[in-house]
Amino acid sequence: MSQFPAYEAREVGYIPNGQVPDYDYMITVTNRVKTIVSRLQTKPVRLF
């Protein structure tokens, strides 16, 4: 990424020295959805 043009990095919102976001919650939601994905077409479910 150090050779990536600065104007393009700004355009996509890349922050080279920024903190990495905490995706733990989204990972848990994704894992819960994966367990029920096969049943989504046959029976409505609450995800949250």
Protein backbone atom coordinates (compact mmCIF):
# COMPACT_ATOMS: atom_id res chain seq x y z
CA MET A 1 0.00 0.00 0.00
CA SER A 2 2.96 2.34 0.38
CA GLN A 3 3.11 2.67 -3.40
CA PHE A 4 -0.62 3.30 -3.77
CA PRO A 5 -1.31 6.82 -5.12
CA ALA A 6 -2.28 9.22 -2.31
CA TYR A 7 -5.26 10.72 -4.17
CA GLU A 8 -6.77 7.27 -4.68
CA ALA A 9 -6.18 6.34 -1.04
CA ARG A 10 -8.09 9.47 0.04
CA GLU A 11 -10.88 8.67 -2.42
CA VAL A 12 -11.51 5.21 -0.95
CA GLY A 13 -11.01 6.36 2.64
CA TYR A 14 -7.80 4.43 3.33
CA ILE A 15 -6.13 5.63 6.53
CA PRO A 16 -2.61 4.16 6.66
CA ASN A 17 -2.02 4.84 10.37
CA GLY A 18 -5.58 4.34 11.57
CA GLN A 19 -6.82 1.83 14.11
CA VAL A 20 -8.12 -1.46 12.78
CA PRO A 21 -11.88 -1.62 13.47
CA ASP A 22 -13.17 -4.22 15.92
CA TYR A 23 -15.23 -6.63 13.85
CA ASP A 24 -15.93 -9.14 16.64
CA TYR A 25 -19.63 -8.29 16.84
CA MET A 26 -20.12 -8.53 13.07
CA ILE A 27 -18.30 -11.87 13.06
CA THR A 28 -20.68 -13.24 15.71
CA VAL A 29 -23.70 -12.03 13.74
CA THR A 30 -22.35 -13.61 10.56
CA ASN A 31 -21.73 -16.89 12.36
CA ARG A 32 -25.30 -16.89 13.73
CA VAL A 33 -26.72 -16.25 10.27
CA LYS A 34 -24.60 -19.05 8.78
CA THR A 35 -26.26 -21.52 11.16
CA ILE A 36 -29.76 -20.66 9.91
CA VAL A 37 -29.11 -19.75 6.27
CA SER A 38 -30.47 -23.05 4.95
CA ARG A 39 -33.82 -22.42 6.67
CA LEU A 40 -34.27 -18.77 5.64
CA GLN A 41 -36.27 -19.62 2.54
CA THR A 42 -38.75 -21.86 4.39
CA LYS A 43 -39.38 -20.11 7.69
CA PRO A 44 -38.89 -16.47 8.72
CA VAL A 45 -36.49 -15.95 11.62
CA ARG A 46 -35.43 -13.11 13.92
CA LEU A 47 -31.77 -12.31 13.52
CA PHE A 48 -31.49 -9.96 16.50
